Amino acid sequence: MNANQTEALIGLLFTFGLLVLMALPSVLGIVRDKRVDRSIREAQKAHQEQEYREAQQAKERTQKSSSRSTVPSTATWYADGRRSKKLVSS
């Protein structure tokens, strides 16, 4: 390796070192921002899940349980049909 090649190598390494030194703060800032964004997303997700659980618990507390069937019986269907026929024929 002669003197010209050595100078070129030193110049190349010096330039590369300056580039790294100037770009390092930006890269560190980007990494920090990504980490903060991820923690914010996790906190929002946890908050939404907590709200969902609270809403479900409130719904369960206010919901009334009934042992009666919600489907009308056959007699009810028959009586409704008879009433509507009376109204139409009158």
PDB file of N, CA and C in Angstrom:
ATOM      1  N   MET A   1       0.864  -1.163   0.000  1.00  0.00           N
ATOM      2  CA  MET A   1       0.000   0.000   0.000  1.00  0.00           C
ATOM      3  C   MET A   1       0.915   1.231   0.000  1.00  0.00           C
ATOM      4  N   ASN A   2       0.731   2.130  -0.961  1.00  0.00           N
ATOM      5  CA  ASN A   2       1.583   3.315  -1.037  1.00  0.00           C
ATOM      6  C   ASN A   2       0.952   4.492  -0.288  1.00  0.00           C
ATOM      7  N   ALA A   3       1.592   5.624  -0.305  1.00  0.00           N
ATOM      8  CA  ALA A   3       1.165   6.805   0.463  1.00  0.00           C
ATOM      9  C   ALA A   3      -0.182   7.334  -0.030  1.00  0.00           C
ATOM     10  N   ASN A   4      -0.424   7.315  -1.310  1.00  0.00           N
ATOM     11  CA  ASN A   4      -1.696   7.815  -1.858  1.00  0.00           C
ATOM     12  C   ASN A   4      -2.873   6.948  -1.404  1.00  0.00           C
ATOM     13  N   GLN A   5      -2.679   5.657  -1.425  1.00  0.00           N
ATOM     14  CA  GLN A   5      -3.735   4.749  -0.982  1.00  0.00           C
ATOM     15  C   GLN A   5      -4.000   4.908   0.516  1.00  0.00           C
ATOM     16  N   THR A   6      -2.959   5.141   1.293  1.00  0.00           N
ATOM     17  CA  THR A   6      -3.113   5.323   2.723  1.00  0.00           C
ATOM     18  C   THR A   6      -3.887   6.607   3.012  1.00  0.00           C
ATOM     19  N   GLU A   7      -3.529   7.683   2.296  1.00  0.00           N
ATOM     20  CA  GLU A   7      -4.253   8.954   2.469  1.00  0.00           C
ATOM     21  C   GLU A   7      -5.723   8.803   2.082  1.00  0.00           C
ATOM     22  N   ALA A   8      -5.971   8.091   1.013  1.00  0.00           N
ATOM     23  CA  ALA A   8      -7.357   7.891   0.568  1.00  0.00           C
ATOM     24  C   ALA A   8      -8.138   7.090   1.606  1.00  0.00           C
ATOM     25  N   LEU A   9      -7.511   6.066   2.175  1.00  0.00           N
ATOM     26  CA  LEU A   9      -8.161   5.255   3.189  1.00  0.00           C
ATOM     27  C   LEU A   9      -8.455   6.073   4.444  1.00  0.00           C
ATOM     28  N   ILE A  10      -7.500   6.894   4.866  1.00  0.00           N
ATOM     29  CA  ILE A  10      -7.709   7.748   6.039  1.00  0.00           C
ATOM     30  C   ILE A  10      -8.825   8.751   5.764  1.00  0.00           C
ATOM     31  N   GLY A  11      -8.827   9.350   4.591  1.00  0.00           N
ATOM     32  CA  GLY A  11      -9.884  10.298   4.220  1.00  0.00           C
ATOM     33  C   GLY A  11     -11.248   9.640   4.181  1.00  0.00           C
ATOM     34  N   LEU A  12     -11.314   8.422   3.643  1.00  0.00           N
ATOM     35  CA  LEU A  12     -12.572   7.682   3.572  1.00  0.00           C
ATOM     36  C   LEU A  12     -13.093   7.350   4.968  1.00  0.00           C
ATOM     37  N   LEU A  13     -12.201   6.874   5.847  1.00  0.00           N
ATOM     38  CA  LEU A  13     -12.605   6.549   7.209  1.00  0.00           C
ATOM     39  C   LEU A  13     -13.029   7.802   7.977  1.00  0.00           C
ATOM     40  N   PHE A  14     -12.322   8.908   7.780  1.00  0.00           N
ATOM     41  CA  PHE A  14     -12.680  10.160   8.440  1.00  0.00           C
ATOM     42  C   PHE A  14     -14.067  10.636   7.973  1.00  0.00           C
ATOM     43  N   THR A  15     -14.323  10.580   6.687  1.00  0.00           N
ATOM     44  CA  THR A  15     -15.621  10.997   6.140  1.00  0.00           C
ATOM     45  C   THR A  15     -16.736  10.091   6.656  1.00  0.00           C
ATOM     46  N   PHE A  16     -16.474   8.793   6.670  1.00  0.00           N
ATOM     47  CA  PHE A  16     -17.469   7.851   7.181  1.00  0.00           C
ATOM     48  C   PHE A  16     -17.743   8.098   8.660  1.00  0.00           C
ATOM     49  N   GLY A  17     -16.691   8.381   9.435  1.00  0.00           N
ATOM     50  CA  GLY A  17     -16.841   8.689  10.854  1.00  0.00           C
ATOM     51  C   GLY A  17     -17.685   9.942  11.071  1.00  0.00           C
ATOM     52  N   LEU A  18     -17.458  10.984  10.279  1.00  0.00           N
ATOM     53  CA  LEU A  18     -18.265  12.211  10.389  1.00  0.00           C
ATOM     54  C   LEU A  18     -19.735  11.939  10.044  1.00  0.00           C
ATOM     55  N   LEU A  19     -19.948  11.130   9.016  1.00  0.00           N
ATOM     56  CA  LEU A  19     -21.317  10.789   8.629  1.00  0.00           C
ATOM     57  C   LEU A  19     -22.034  10.070   9.761  1.00  0.00           C
ATOM     58  N   VAL A  20     -21.363   9.111  10.360  1.00  0.00           N
ATOM     59  CA  VAL A  20     -21.957   8.371  11.481  1.00  0.00           C
ATOM     60  C   VAL A  20     -22.206   9.306  12.650  1.00  0.00           C
ATOM     61  N   LEU A  21     -21.256  10.179  12.943  1.00  0.00           N
ATOM     62  CA  LEU A  21     -21.376  11.106  14.057  1.00  0.00           C
ATOM     63  C   LEU A  21     -22.540  12.075  13.853  1.00  0.00           C
ATOM     64  N   MET A  22     -22.781  12.482  12.613  1.00  0.00           N
ATOM     65  CA  MET A  22     -23.881  13.420  12.337  1.00  0.00           C
ATOM     66  C   MET A  22     -25.236  12.712  12.284  1.00  0.00           C
ATOM     67  N   ALA A  23     -25.259  11.464  11.848  1.00  0.00           N
ATOM     68  CA  ALA A  23     -26.524  10.744  11.717  1.00  0.00           C
ATOM     69  C   ALA A  23     -26.960  10.071  13.017  1.00  0.00           C
ATOM     70  N   LEU A  24     -26.036   9.866  13.937  1.00  0.00           N
ATOM     71  CA  LEU A  24     -26.336   9.148  15.172  1.00  0.00           C
ATOM     72  C   LEU A  24     -27.459   9.797  16.000  1.00  0.00           C
ATOM     73  N   PRO A  25     -27.463  11.111  16.222  1.00  0.00           N
ATOM     74  CA  PRO A  25     -28.567  11.697  16.997  1.00  0.00           C
ATOM     75  C   PRO A  25     -29.943  11.472  16.350  1.00  0.00           C
ATOM     76  N   SER A  26     -29.986  11.547  15.033  1.00  0.00           N
ATOM     77  CA  SER A  26     -31.264  11.316  14.345  1.00  0.00           C
ATOM     78  C   SER A  26     -31.737   9.887  14.525  1.00  0.00           C
ATOM     79  N   VAL A  27     -30.840   8.946  14.379  1.00  0.00           N
ATOM     80  CA  VAL A  27     -31.192   7.530  14.530  1.00  0.00           C
ATOM     81  C   VAL A  27     -31.649   7.257  15.956  1.00  0.00           C
ATOM     82  N   LEU A  28     -30.932   7.809  16.934  1.00  0.00           N
ATOM     83  CA  LEU A  28     -31.332   7.614  18.329  1.00  0.00           C
ATOM     84  C   LEU A  28     -32.703   8.232  18.604  1.00  0.00           C
ATOM     85  N   GLY A  29     -32.987   9.397  18.010  1.00  0.00           N
ATOM     86  CA  GLY A  29     -34.301  10.031  18.173  1.00  0.00           C
ATOM     87  C   GLY A  29     -35.414   9.196  17.566  1.00  0.00           C
ATOM     88  N   ILE A  30     -35.169   8.626  16.403  1.00  0.00           N
ATOM     89  CA  ILE A  30     -36.169   7.781  15.753  1.00  0.00           C
ATOM     90  C   ILE A  30     -36.460   6.551  16.602  1.00  0.00           C
ATOM     91  N   VAL A  31     -35.401   5.930  17.133  1.00  0.00           N
ATOM     92  CA  VAL A  31     -35.576   4.740  17.971  1.00  0.00           C
ATOM     93  C   VAL A  31     -36.368   5.103  19.222  1.00  0.00           C
ATOM     94  N   ARG A  32     -36.059   6.247  19.829  1.00  0.00           N
ATOM     95  CA  ARG A  32     -36.778   6.680  21.034  1.00  0.00           C
ATOM     96  C   ARG A  32     -38.253   6.945  20.720  1.00  0.00           C
ATOM     97  N   ASP A  33     -38.523   7.623  19.591  1.00  0.00           N
ATOM     98  CA  ASP A  33     -39.908   7.898  19.199  1.00  0.00           C
ATOM     99  C   ASP A  33     -40.699   6.611  18.977  1.00  0.00           C
ATOM    100  N   LYS A  34     -40.077   5.639  18.331  1.00  0.00           N
ATOM    101  CA  LYS A  34     -40.761   4.359  18.110  1.00  0.00           C
ATOM    102  C   LYS A  34     -41.106   3.688  19.433  1.00  0.00           C
ATOM    103  N   ARG A  35     -40.166   3.732  20.390  1.00  0.00           N
ATOM    104  CA  ARG A  35     -40.405   3.124  21.691  1.00  0.00           C
ATOM    105  C   ARG A  35     -41.542   3.838  22.426  1.00  0.00           C
ATOM    106  N   VAL A  36     -41.570   5.173  22.357  1.00  0.00           N
ATOM    107  CA  VAL A  36     -42.636   5.936  23.001  1.00  0.00           C
ATOM    108  C   VAL A  36     -43.979   5.641  22.331  1.00  0.00           C
ATOM    109  N   ASP A  37     -44.001   5.596  21.002  1.00  0.00           N
ATOM    110  CA  ASP A  37     -45.240   5.280  20.281  1.00  0.00           C
ATOM    111  C   ASP A  37     -45.775   3.904  20.667  1.00  0.00           C
ATOM    112  N   ARG A  38     -44.869   2.928  20.775  1.00  0.00           N
ATOM    113  CA  ARG A  38     -45.292   1.577  21.146  1.00  0.00           C
ATOM    114  C   ARG A  38     -45.883   1.557  22.550  1.00  0.00           C
ATOM    115  N   SER A  39     -45.262   2.281  23.476  1.00  0.00           N
ATOM    116  CA  SER A  39     -45.800   2.299  24.845  1.00  0.00           C
ATOM    117  C   SER A  39     -47.139   3.022  24.903  1.00  0.00           C
ATOM    118  N   ILE A  40     -47.316   4.060  24.091  1.00  0.00           N
ATOM    119  CA  ILE A  40     -48.609   4.757  24.042  1.00  0.00           C
ATOM    120  C   ILE A  40     -49.684   3.830  23.486  1.00  0.00           C
ATOM    121  N   ARG A  41     -49.372   3.103  22.414  1.00  0.00           N
ATOM    122  CA  ARG A  41     -50.350   2.159  21.845  1.00  0.00           C
ATOM    123  C   ARG A  41     -50.732   1.089  22.851  1.00  0.00           C
ATOM    124  N   GLU A  42     -49.741   0.567  23.580  1.00  0.00           N
ATOM    125  CA  GLU A  42     -50.038  -0.457  24.588  1.00  0.00           C
ATOM    126  C   GLU A  42     -50.918   0.102  25.697  1.00  0.00           C
ATOM    127  N   ALA A  43     -50.652   1.345  26.107  1.00  0.00           N
ATOM    128  CA  ALA A  43     -51.460   1.968  27.159  1.00  0.00           C
ATOM    129  C   ALA A  43     -52.889   2.202  26.669  1.00  0.00           C
ATOM    130  N   GLN A  44     -53.048   2.650  25.418  1.00  0.00           N
ATOM    131  CA  GLN A  44     -54.384   2.853  24.873  1.00  0.00           C
ATOM    132  C   GLN A  44     -55.137   1.535  24.776  1.00  0.00           C
ATOM    133  N   LYS A  45     -54.456   0.495  24.349  1.00  0.00           N
ATOM    134  CA  LYS A  45     -55.097  -0.818  24.233  1.00  0.00           C
ATOM    135  C   LYS A  45     -55.542  -1.315  25.601  1.00  0.00           C
ATOM    136  N   ALA A  46     -54.672  -1.155  26.601  1.00  0.00           N
ATOM    137  CA  ALA A  46     -55.032  -1.576  27.954  1.00  0.00           C
ATOM    138  C   ALA A  46     -56.214  -0.759  28.483  1.00  0.00           C
ATOM    139  N   HIS A  47     -56.233   0.527  28.161  1.00  0.00           N
ATOM    140  CA  HIS A  47     -57.335   1.391  28.606  1.00  0.00           C
ATOM    141  C   HIS A  47     -58.648   0.970  27.942  1.00  0.00           C
ATOM    142  N   GLN A  48     -58.599   0.678  26.643  1.00  0.00           N
ATOM    143  CA  GLN A  48     -59.804   0.240  25.936  1.00  0.00           C
ATOM    144  C   GLN A  48     -60.302  -1.091  26.484  1.00  0.00           C
ATOM    145  N   GLU A  49     -59.384  -1.999  26.769  1.00  0.00           N
ATOM    146  CA  GLU A  49     -59.793  -3.288  27.319  1.00  0.00           C
ATOM    147  C   GLU A  49     -60.417  -3.111  28.698  1.00  0.00           C
ATOM    148  N   GLN A  50     -59.864  -2.193  29.502  1.00  0.00           N
ATOM    149  CA  GLN A  50     -60.424  -1.916  30.826  1.00  0.00           C
ATOM    150  C   GLN A  50     -61.828  -1.327  30.697  1.00  0.00           C
ATOM    151  N   GLU A  51     -62.009  -0.391  29.763  1.00  0.00           N
ATOM    152  CA  GLU A  51     -63.341   0.194  29.550  1.00  0.00           C
ATOM    153  C   GLU A  51     -64.331  -0.873  29.101  1.00  0.00           C
ATOM    154  N   TYR A  52     -63.890  -1.785  28.222  1.00  0.00           N
ATOM    155  CA  TYR A  52     -64.767  -2.846  27.740  1.00  0.00           C
ATOM    156  C   TYR A  52     -65.187  -3.755  28.893  1.00  0.00           C
ATOM    157  N   ARG A  53     -64.204  -4.124  29.745  1.00  0.00           N
ATOM    158  CA  ARG A  53     -64.533  -4.967  30.894  1.00  0.00           C
ATOM    159  C   ARG A  53     -65.509  -4.267  31.836  1.00  0.00           C
ATOM    160  N   GLU A  54     -65.295  -2.976  32.073  1.00  0.00           N
ATOM    161  CA  GLU A  54     -66.196  -2.237  32.952  1.00  0.00           C
ATOM    162  C   GLU A  54     -67.603  -2.155  32.358  1.00  0.00           C
ATOM    163  N   ALA A  55     -67.691  -1.961  31.039  1.00  0.00           N
ATOM    164  CA  ALA A  55     -68.996  -1.905  30.388  1.00  0.00           C
ATOM    165  C   ALA A  55     -69.707  -3.253  30.481  1.00  0.00           C
ATOM    166  N   GLN A  56     -68.947  -4.341  30.296  1.00  0.00           N
ATOM    167  CA  GLN A  56     -69.549  -5.665  30.404  1.00  0.00           C
ATOM    168  C   GLN A  56     -70.038  -5.931  31.826  1.00  0.00           C
ATOM    169  N   GLN A  57     -69.254  -5.516  32.815  1.00  0.00           N
ATOM    170  CA  GLN A  57     -69.664  -5.712  34.205  1.00  0.00           C
ATOM    171  C   GLN A  57     -70.898  -4.889  34.522  1.00  0.00           C
ATOM    172  N   ALA A  58     -70.958  -3.656  34.015  1.00  0.00           N
ATOM    173  CA  ALA A  58     -72.133  -2.816  34.245  1.00  0.00           C
ATOM    174  C   ALA A  58     -73.358  -3.420  33.563  1.00  0.00           C
ATOM    175  N   LYS A  59     -73.157  -3.971  32.385  1.00  0.00           N
ATOM    176  CA  LYS A  59     -74.258  -4.599  31.661  1.00  0.00           C
ATOM    177  C   LYS A  59     -74.773  -5.825  32.415  1.00  0.00           C
ATOM    178  N   GLU A  60     -73.845  -6.594  32.963  1.00  0.00           N
ATOM    179  CA  GLU A  60     -74.245  -7.780  33.714  1.00  0.00           C
ATOM    180  C   GLU A  60     -74.982  -7.399  34.994  1.00  0.00           C
ATOM    181  N   ARG A  61     -74.571  -6.304  35.624  1.00  0.00           N
ATOM    182  CA  ARG A  61     -75.244  -5.869  36.850  1.00  0.00           C
ATOM    183  C   ARG A  61     -76.659  -5.369  36.571  1.00  0.00           C
ATOM    184  N   THR A  62     -76.859  -4.674  35.432  1.00  0.00           N
ATOM    185  CA  THR A  62     -78.172  -4.104  35.139  1.00  0.00           C
ATOM    186  C   THR A  62     -79.092  -5.084  34.429  1.00  0.00           C
ATOM    187  N   GLN A  63     -78.546  -6.116  33.842  1.00  0.00           N
ATOM    188  CA  GLN A  63     -79.362  -7.076  33.105  1.00  0.00           C
ATOM    189  C   GLN A  63     -80.144  -7.937  34.095  1.00  0.00           C
ATOM    190  N   LYS A  64     -81.454  -8.019  33.868  1.00  0.00           N
ATOM    191  CA  LYS A  64     -82.303  -8.814  34.752  1.00  0.00           C
ATOM    192  C   LYS A  64     -82.415 -10.226  34.203  1.00  0.00           C
ATOM    193  N   SER A  65     -82.291 -11.172  35.093  1.00  0.00           N
ATOM    194  CA  SER A  65     -82.444 -12.550  34.656  1.00  0.00           C
ATOM    195  C   SER A  65     -83.900 -12.958  34.865  1.00  0.00           C
ATOM    196  N   SER A  66     -84.391 -13.713  33.948  1.00  0.00           N
ATOM    197  CA  SER A  66     -85.773 -14.153  34.017  1.00  0.00           C
ATOM    198  C   SER A  66     -85.828 -15.641  33.741  1.00  0.00           C
ATOM    199  N   SER A  67     -86.632 -16.346  34.503  1.00  0.00           N
ATOM    200  CA  SER A  67     -86.766 -17.774  34.264  1.00  0.00           C
ATOM    201  C   SER A  67     -87.872 -18.048  33.245  1.00  0.00           C
ATOM    202  N   ARG A  68     -88.642 -17.015  32.905  1.00  0.00           N
ATOM    203  CA  ARG A  68     -89.728 -17.199  31.946  1.00  0.00           C
ATOM    204  C   ARG A  68     -89.187 -17.185  30.520  1.00  0.00           C
ATOM    205  N   SER A  69     -89.839 -17.907  29.674  1.00  0.00           N
ATOM    206  CA  SER A  69     -89.456 -17.965  28.276  1.00  0.00           C
ATOM    207  C   SER A  69     -89.842 -16.666  27.589  1.00  0.00           C
ATOM    208  N   THR A  70     -89.021 -16.232  26.654  1.00  0.00           N
ATOM    209  CA  THR A  70     -89.327 -14.996  25.924  1.00  0.00           C
ATOM    210  C   THR A  70     -90.129 -15.280  24.662  1.00  0.00           C
ATOM    211  N   VAL A  71     -90.297 -16.540  24.300  1.00  0.00           N
ATOM    212  CA  VAL A  71     -91.063 -16.906  23.117  1.00  0.00           C
ATOM    213  C   VAL A  71     -92.532 -17.053  23.519  1.00  0.00           C
ATOM    214  N   PRO A  72     -93.433 -16.364  22.820  1.00  0.00           N
ATOM    215  CA  PRO A  72     -94.852 -16.477  23.164  1.00  0.00           C
ATOM    216  C   PRO A  72     -95.366 -17.905  22.966  1.00  0.00           C
ATOM    217  N   SER A  73     -96.323 -18.257  23.751  1.00  0.00           N
ATOM    218  CA  SER A  73     -96.896 -19.595  23.632  1.00  0.00           C
ATOM    219  C   SER A  73     -97.809 -19.669  22.410  1.00  0.00           C
ATOM    220  N   THR A  74     -98.250 -20.894  22.081  1.00  0.00           N
ATOM    221  CA  THR A  74     -99.144 -21.094  20.941  1.00  0.00           C
ATOM    222  C   THR A  74    -100.471 -20.391  21.166  1.00  0.00           C
ATOM    223  N   ALA A  75    -100.963 -20.389  22.389  1.00  0.00           N
ATOM    224  CA  ALA A  75    -102.235 -19.727  22.682  1.00  0.00           C
ATOM    225  C   ALA A  75    -102.146 -18.233  22.416  1.00  0.00           C
ATOM    226  N   THR A  76    -101.024 -17.649  22.722  1.00  0.00           N
ATOM    227  CA  THR A  76    -100.857 -16.213  22.470  1.00  0.00           C
ATOM    228  C   THR A  76    -100.874 -15.930  20.984  1.00  0.00           C
ATOM    229  N   TRP A  77    -100.168 -16.760  20.201  1.00  0.00           N
ATOM    230  CA  TRP A  77    -100.159 -16.559  18.750  1.00  0.00           C
ATOM    231  C   TRP A  77    -101.577 -16.720  18.183  1.00  0.00           C
ATOM    232  N   TYR A  78    -102.292 -17.697  18.662  1.00  0.00           N
ATOM    233  CA  TYR A  78    -103.641 -17.928  18.181  1.00  0.00           C
ATOM    234  C   TYR A  78    -104.539 -16.750  18.538  1.00  0.00           C
ATOM    235  N   ALA A  79    -104.433 -16.254  19.763  1.00  0.00           N
ATOM    236  CA  ALA A  79    -105.279 -15.144  20.195  1.00  0.00           C
ATOM    237  C   ALA A  79    -104.952 -13.889  19.403  1.00  0.00           C
ATOM    238  N   ASP A  80    -103.677 -13.647  19.106  1.00  0.00           N
ATOM    239  CA  ASP A  80    -103.312 -12.467  18.312  1.00  0.00           C
ATOM    240  C   ASP A  80    -103.908 -12.561  16.913  1.00  0.00           C
ATOM    241  N   GLY A  81    -103.866 -13.747  16.324  1.00  0.00           N
ATOM    242  CA  GLY A  81    -104.441 -13.924  14.991  1.00  0.00           C
ATOM    243  C   GLY A  81    -105.950 -13.703  14.995  1.00  0.00           C
ATOM    244  N   ARG A  82    -106.644 -14.161  16.015  1.00  0.00           N
ATOM    245  CA  ARG A  82    -108.095 -13.987  16.108  1.00  0.00           C
ATOM    246  C   ARG A  82    -108.442 -12.509  16.270  1.00  0.00           C
ATOM    247  N   ARG A  83    -107.664 -11.783  17.084  1.00  0.00           N
ATOM    248  CA  ARG A  83    -107.940 -10.365  17.301  1.00  0.00           C
ATOM    249  C   ARG A  83    -107.779  -9.595  16.010  1.00  0.00           C
ATOM    250  N   SER A  84    -106.733  -9.905  15.240  1.00  0.00           N
ATOM    251  CA  SER A  84    -106.504  -9.145  14.021  1.00  0.00           C
ATOM    252  C   SER A  84    -107.620  -9.448  13.007  1.00  0.00           C
ATOM    253  N   LYS A  85    -108.137 -10.669  12.978  1.00  0.00           N
ATOM    254  CA  LYS A  85    -109.207 -10.978  12.046  1.00  0.00           C
ATOM    255  C   LYS A  85    -110.479 -10.234  12.428  1.00  0.00           C
ATOM    256  N   LYS A  86    -110.711 -10.084  13.721  1.00  0.00           N
ATOM    257  CA  LYS A  86    -111.909  -9.343  14.144  1.00  0.00           C
ATOM    258  C   LYS A  86    -111.813  -7.894  13.723  1.00  0.00           C
ATOM    259  N   LEU A  87    -110.608  -7.306  13.859  1.00  0.00           N
ATOM    260  CA  LEU A  87    -110.448  -5.909  13.503  1.00  0.00           C
ATOM    261  C   LEU A  87    -110.630  -5.694  12.006  1.00  0.00           C
ATOM    262  N   VAL A  88    -110.155  -6.639  11.198  1.00  0.00           N
ATOM    263  CA  VAL A  88    -110.265  -6.501   9.758  1.00  0.00           C
ATOM    264  C   VAL A  88    -111.706  -6.696   9.311  1.00  0.00           C
ATOM    265  N   SER A  89    -112.431  -7.628   9.906  1.00  0.00           N
ATOM    266  CA  SER A  89    -113.787  -7.922   9.444  1.00  0.00           C
ATOM    267  C   SER A  89    -114.786  -6.889   9.926  1.00  0.00           C
ATOM    268  N   SER A  90    -114.462  -6.070  10.922  1.00  0.00           N
ATOM    269  CA  SER A  90    -115.454  -5.120  11.425  1.00  0.00           C
ATOM    270  C   SER A  90    -115.624  -3.928  10.552  1.00  0.00           C
TER     271      SER A  90
END
